[in-house]
């Protein structure tokens, strides 16, 4: 299956289904090796099987630990950003630059990935701090919402009830493209003064008395949740394909990006809802 959701995984063929004939590589290699003596064969047979860690392959545990590390640094950056809201734009621009560099880098760089986590944390923390000042308790609600969506999404993935099927991927790509276009147009209108609202068209336009941003926010949260499904599928495929252990950093980065997206969308939706009360 080809993944088109998260470019972090999509650019690496190791996170996709193996091409036909790959499974026969091992047997072909063995056939070309020098024949071993019976004593050597018996010695090899008696040795314990080598696990993924010993053979230098990525494991789920690797991904979990590195993701926790990225999120821990993101929280540190968020605390700094909350204390100094002026760092909002530093975090926004720096996070965007480092995010693009890491997403399209051929080989994962732990230093750049961890730097992204800290810088992106500045943006998340500054934005959270500003909105917390306007709507007390909103950060706790957003964090809990993110954890709940992540938990439900992971449970659905493990149960096999939700998968990144080709049909679902087509809908996802169309919806993401439409959402990206709307966001760019909305941002442009806000920058050039076409709207004075803090959220632009999201709150300027109402449908049956409900701000447009509510409908857009629900859609965006759904897209971020499905992006998690795509990430889980890519990681599972990567482990199955035996990708090198270094790519656990790639997987951790991809999950961090999606979780930040999910949190920001939930935070914005809550702000719109509370602002319309």
Protein backbone atom coordinates (compact mmCIF):
# COMPACT_ATOMS: atom_id res chain seq x y z
CA UNK A 1 0.00 0.00 0.00
CA UNK A 2 1.28 3.46 -0.83
CA UNK A 3 0.77 6.07 1.83
CA UNK A 4 -0.05 9.64 0.88
CA UNK A 5 -0.91 11.11 4.25
CA UNK A 6 2.25 11.88 6.18
CA UNK A 7 5.25 12.75 3.92
CA UNK A 8 7.53 11.64 6.75
CA UNK A 9 6.53 8.02 6.04
CA UNK A 10 5.53 8.39 2.40
CA UNK A 11 9.04 9.28 1.21
CA UNK A 12 10.57 6.13 2.70
CA UNK A 13 9.82 2.93 0.79
CA UNK A 14 10.71 0.87 3.86
CA UNK A 15 7.42 1.95 5.49
CA UNK A 16 5.41 0.49 2.59
CA UNK A 17 4.53 -3.02 1.50
CA UNK A 18 7.50 -5.01 0.30
CA UNK A 19 7.72 -5.54 -3.47
CA UNK A 20 7.15 -9.00 -4.86
CA UNK A 21 10.19 -11.23 -4.77
CA UNK A 22 11.76 -9.56 -1.74
CA UNK A 23 11.09 -12.60 0.42
CA UNK A 24 13.22 -14.79 -1.84
CA UNK A 25 16.34 -12.66 -1.32
CA UNK A 26 17.39 -14.49 1.85
CA UNK A 27 17.18 -17.96 0.31
CA UNK A 28 19.09 -16.82 -2.75
CA UNK A 29 21.87 -15.43 -0.58
CA UNK A 30 22.11 -18.64 1.44
CA UNK A 31 22.35 -20.67 -1.73
CA UNK A 32 25.44 -18.70 -2.75
CA UNK A 33 27.23 -19.07 0.61
CA UNK A 34 30.02 -21.56 1.20
CA UNK A 35 28.74 -24.86 2.50
CA UNK A 36 29.23 -25.19 6.28
CA UNK A 37 30.44 -28.26 8.11
CA UNK A 38 28.01 -30.34 10.18
CA UNK A 39 29.63 -29.06 13.40
CA UNK A 40 29.21 -25.43 12.33
CA UNK A 41 25.60 -26.01 11.37
CA UNK A 42 24.87 -27.66 14.72
CA UNK A 43 26.48 -24.74 16.57
CA UNK A 44 24.37 -22.23 14.64
CA UNK A 45 21.24 -24.29 15.29
CA UNK A 46 21.85 -24.34 19.04
CA UNK A 47 22.20 -20.55 19.28
CA UNK A 48 19.09 -18.53 20.28
CA UNK A 49 17.27 -16.67 17.55
CA UNK A 50 18.38 -13.09 17.07
CA UNK A 51 15.65 -10.55 17.84
CA UNK A 52 15.07 -7.22 16.09
CA UNK A 53 17.32 -5.36 18.54
CA UNK A 54 20.31 -7.67 17.92
CA UNK A 55 19.91 -7.42 14.15
CA UNK A 56 19.64 -3.62 14.24
CA UNK A 57 16.01 -3.45 13.14
CA UNK A 58 13.35 -1.01 14.27
CA UNK A 59 10.97 -2.15 16.99
CA UNK A 60 7.73 -0.76 18.38
CA UNK A 61 9.50 -0.17 21.70
CA UNK A 62 12.09 1.99 19.90
CA UNK A 63 9.35 4.11 18.37
CA UNK A 64 7.50 4.49 21.67
CA UNK A 65 10.60 5.56 23.62
CA UNK A 66 11.75 8.05 21.00
CA UNK A 67 8.24 9.47 20.65
CA UNK A 68 8.06 9.96 24.42
CA UNK A 69 11.43 11.72 24.23
CA UNK A 70 10.20 14.06 21.49
CA UNK A 71 7.00 14.84 23.39
CA UNK A 72 8.95 15.48 26.61
CA UNK A 73 11.11 18.07 24.84
CA UNK A 74 8.01 19.52 23.20
CA UNK A 75 6.50 20.02 26.68
CA UNK A 76 9.70 21.75 27.83
CA UNK A 77 9.49 24.08 24.84
CA UNK A 78 5.79 24.63 25.54
CA UNK A 79 6.50 25.72 29.11
CA UNK A 80 9.01 28.26 27.81
CA UNK A 81 6.57 29.45 25.14
CA UNK A 82 3.78 29.83 27.70
CA UNK A 83 6.07 31.96 29.88
CA UNK A 84 7.16 34.10 26.91
CA UNK A 85 4.24 34.40 24.42
CA UNK A 86 6.39 36.64 22.22
CA UNK A 87 8.11 33.44 21.05
CA UNK A 88 4.94 32.42 19.18
CA UNK A 89 6.26 33.49 15.79
CA UNK A 90 9.72 32.10 16.49
CA UNK A 91 8.16 28.73 17.21
CA UNK A 92 5.78 28.92 14.25
CA UNK A 93 8.42 29.77 11.65
CA UNK A 94 11.18 27.68 13.22
CA UNK A 95 8.89 24.68 13.60
CA UNK A 96 7.78 24.97 9.97
CA UNK A 97 11.35 25.15 8.68
CA UNK A 98 12.65 22.29 10.82
CA UNK A 99 9.53 20.26 10.08
CA UNK A 100 10.09 20.53 6.33
CA UNK A 101 13.82 19.79 6.67
CA UNK A 102 13.16 16.66 8.71
CA UNK A 103 10.24 15.53 6.56
CA UNK A 104 12.24 15.54 3.33
CA UNK A 105 15.65 14.57 4.67
CA UNK A 106 16.87 11.25 3.24
CA UNK A 107 18.35 10.05 6.52
CA UNK A 108 16.86 10.83 9.94
CA UNK A 109 18.82 13.25 12.12
CA UNK A 110 18.07 12.80 15.85
CA UNK A 111 19.48 16.25 16.63
CA UNK A 112 17.23 18.00 14.09
CA UNK A 113 14.20 15.98 15.17
CA UNK A 114 14.73 16.87 18.83
CA UNK A 115 15.34 20.51 17.83
CA UNK A 116 12.00 20.48 16.00
CA UNK A 117 10.28 19.19 19.14
CA UNK A 118 11.65 22.04 21.26
CA UNK A 119 10.98 24.78 18.71
CA UNK A 120 7.50 23.50 17.90
CA UNK A 121 6.89 23.44 21.63
CA UNK A 122 7.51 27.21 21.73
CA UNK A 123 4.64 27.74 19.29
CA UNK A 124 2.28 25.30 20.99
CA UNK A 125 3.05 26.73 24.43
CA UNK A 126 2.70 30.38 23.38
CA UNK A 127 -0.60 29.72 21.61
CA UNK A 128 -1.87 27.68 24.56
CA UNK A 129 -0.85 30.37 27.03
CA UNK A 130 -2.64 33.11 25.10
CA UNK A 131 -5.86 31.10 24.80
CA UNK A 132 -5.66 29.95 28.41
CA UNK A 133 -5.65 33.61 29.44
CA UNK A 134 -8.82 34.19 27.42
CA UNK A 135 -10.58 30.92 28.25
CA UNK A 136 -9.36 29.43 31.54
CA UNK A 137 -9.18 25.65 31.52
CA UNK A 138 -9.06 25.35 27.73
CA UNK A 139 -5.55 23.82 27.68
CA UNK A 140 -6.55 21.01 30.02
CA UNK A 141 -9.61 20.34 27.84
CA UNK A 142 -7.47 20.29 24.69
CA UNK A 143 -4.90 17.93 26.23
CA UNK A 144 -7.60 15.55 27.43
CA UNK A 145 -9.31 15.72 24.03
CA UNK A 146 -6.03 14.87 22.30
CA UNK A 147 -5.38 11.91 24.58
CA UNK A 148 -8.93 10.61 24.11
CA UNK A 149 -8.81 10.89 20.32
CA UNK A 150 -5.38 9.23 20.25
CA UNK A 151 -6.55 6.40 22.52
CA UNK A 152 -9.75 5.74 20.58
CA UNK A 153 -7.91 5.89 17.25
CA UNK A 154 -5.24 3.45 18.43
CA UNK A 155 -7.89 1.08 19.82
CA UNK A 156 -9.78 1.13 16.52
CA UNK A 157 -6.55 0.49 14.62
CA UNK A 158 -5.55 -2.45 16.82
CA UNK A 159 -9.04 -3.93 16.50
CA UNK A 160 -8.75 -3.80 12.72
CA UNK A 161 -12.03 -1.88 12.39
CA UNK A 162 -10.34 1.15 10.81
CA UNK A 163 -7.61 0.79 8.20
CA UNK A 164 -5.94 3.04 5.64
CA UNK A 165 -7.64 1.42 2.64
CA UNK A 166 -7.02 2.81 -0.89
CA UNK A 167 -10.59 4.15 -1.02
CA UNK A 168 -10.23 5.87 2.36
CA UNK A 169 -6.87 7.29 1.28
CA UNK A 170 -8.42 8.91 -1.80
CA UNK A 171 -11.05 10.63 0.34
CA UNK A 172 -8.37 11.64 2.84
CA UNK A 173 -6.17 13.26 0.19
CA UNK A 174 -9.11 15.18 -1.32
CA UNK A 175 -10.25 16.38 2.11
CA UNK A 176 -6.73 17.39 3.20
CA UNK A 177 -6.18 19.31 -0.06
CA UNK A 178 -9.49 21.14 0.37
CA UNK A 179 -8.69 21.94 4.00
CA UNK A 180 -5.20 23.21 3.09
CA UNK A 181 -6.68 25.45 0.39
CA UNK A 182 -9.26 26.87 2.80
CA UNK A 183 -6.56 27.51 5.42
CA UNK A 184 -4.35 29.36 2.92
CA UNK A 185 -7.22 31.52 1.69
CA UNK A 186 -8.32 32.25 5.26
CA UNK A 187 -4.77 33.13 6.31
CA UNK A 188 -4.38 35.44 3.30
CA UNK A 189 -7.62 37.28 4.12
CA UNK A 190 -6.51 37.74 7.72
CA UNK A 191 -3.06 39.02 6.72
CA UNK A 192 -4.43 41.56 4.21
CA UNK A 193 -7.21 42.80 6.45
CA UNK A 194 -10.10 41.30 4.53
CA UNK A 195 -11.45 40.08 7.87
CA UNK A 196 -10.96 41.45 11.37
CA UNK A 197 -11.94 38.27 13.20
CA UNK A 198 -9.23 36.46 15.15
CA UNK A 199 -10.14 33.26 13.29
CA UNK A 200 -11.08 34.78 9.93
CA UNK A 201 -13.78 33.00 7.95
CA UNK A 202 -14.02 30.39 10.68
CA UNK A 203 -16.05 32.83 12.80
CA UNK A 204 -17.16 35.41 10.22
CA UNK A 205 -19.36 32.88 8.43
CA UNK A 206 -22.18 31.07 10.20
CA UNK A 207 -24.36 28.16 9.13
CA UNK A 208 -27.67 27.92 10.99
CA UNK A 209 -26.18 30.16 13.65
CA UNK A 210 -23.13 27.92 14.12
CA UNK A 211 -19.69 29.34 13.21
CA UNK A 212 -18.15 27.77 10.10
CA UNK A 213 -15.06 27.05 12.18
CA UNK A 214 -16.98 24.44 14.17
CA UNK A 215 -17.68 22.37 11.06
CA UNK A 216 -14.15 22.94 9.73
CA UNK A 217 -12.69 22.05 13.12
CA UNK A 218 -14.58 18.76 13.36
CA UNK A 219 -13.40 17.88 9.85
CA UNK A 220 -9.78 18.79 10.68
CA UNK A 221 -9.82 16.69 13.86
CA UNK A 222 -11.19 13.77 11.87
CA UNK A 223 -8.42 14.19 9.29
CA UNK A 224 -5.75 14.34 12.01
CA UNK A 225 -7.20 11.19 13.62
CA UNK A 226 -7.12 9.35 10.29
CA UNK A 227 -3.57 10.60 9.79
CA UNK A 228 -2.74 8.73 13.00
CA UNK A 229 -4.19 5.58 11.43
CA UNK A 230 -1.89 6.12 8.45
CA UNK A 231 1.07 6.61 10.79
CA UNK A 232 0.26 3.43 12.76
CA UNK A 233 -0.07 1.47 9.53
CA UNK A 234 3.25 2.79 8.19
CA UNK A 235 5.06 1.99 11.45
CA UNK A 236 3.59 -1.51 11.56
CA UNK A 237 4.68 -2.08 7.97
CA UNK A 238 8.14 -0.71 8.71
CA UNK A 239 8.63 -3.11 11.62
CA UNK A 240 7.38 -5.99 9.47
CA UNK A 241 9.79 -5.03 6.68
CA UNK A 242 12.70 -4.91 9.12
CA UNK A 243 13.74 -1.30 8.54
CA UNK A 244 16.98 -0.21 10.25
CA UNK A 245 16.67 0.94 13.87
CA UNK A 246 17.63 4.52 12.97
CA UNK A 247 14.26 4.97 11.28
CA UNK A 248 12.53 4.75 14.64
CA UNK A 249 13.46 8.45 14.81
CA UNK A 250 11.54 9.00 11.58
CA UNK A 251 8.51 7.23 13.04
CA UNK A 252 8.72 9.24 16.28
CA UNK A 253 8.95 12.48 14.32
CA UNK A 254 5.95 11.56 12.18
CA UNK A 255 3.82 10.77 15.24
CA UNK A 256 4.90 14.00 16.95
CA UNK A 257 3.89 16.08 13.93
CA UNK A 258 0.45 14.45 13.77
CA UNK A 259 -0.14 14.79 17.51
CA UNK A 260 0.74 18.51 17.39
CA UNK A 261 -1.68 18.96 14.49
CA UNK A 262 -4.41 17.15 16.40
CA UNK A 263 -3.84 19.19 19.58
CA UNK A 264 -3.85 22.55 17.77
CA UNK A 265 -7.08 21.68 15.93
CA UNK A 266 -8.82 20.65 19.16
CA UNK A 267 -7.53 23.79 20.92
CA UNK A 268 -8.81 26.04 18.12
CA UNK A 269 -12.21 24.33 18.00
CA UNK A 270 -12.63 24.76 21.76
CA UNK A 271 -11.65 28.45 21.48
CA UNK A 272 -14.24 29.02 18.75
CA UNK A 273 -16.93 27.24 20.76
CA UNK A 274 -16.17 29.14 23.95
CA UNK A 275 -15.86 32.43 22.09
CA UNK A 276 -19.33 32.03 20.61
CA UNK A 277 -20.99 31.47 24.02
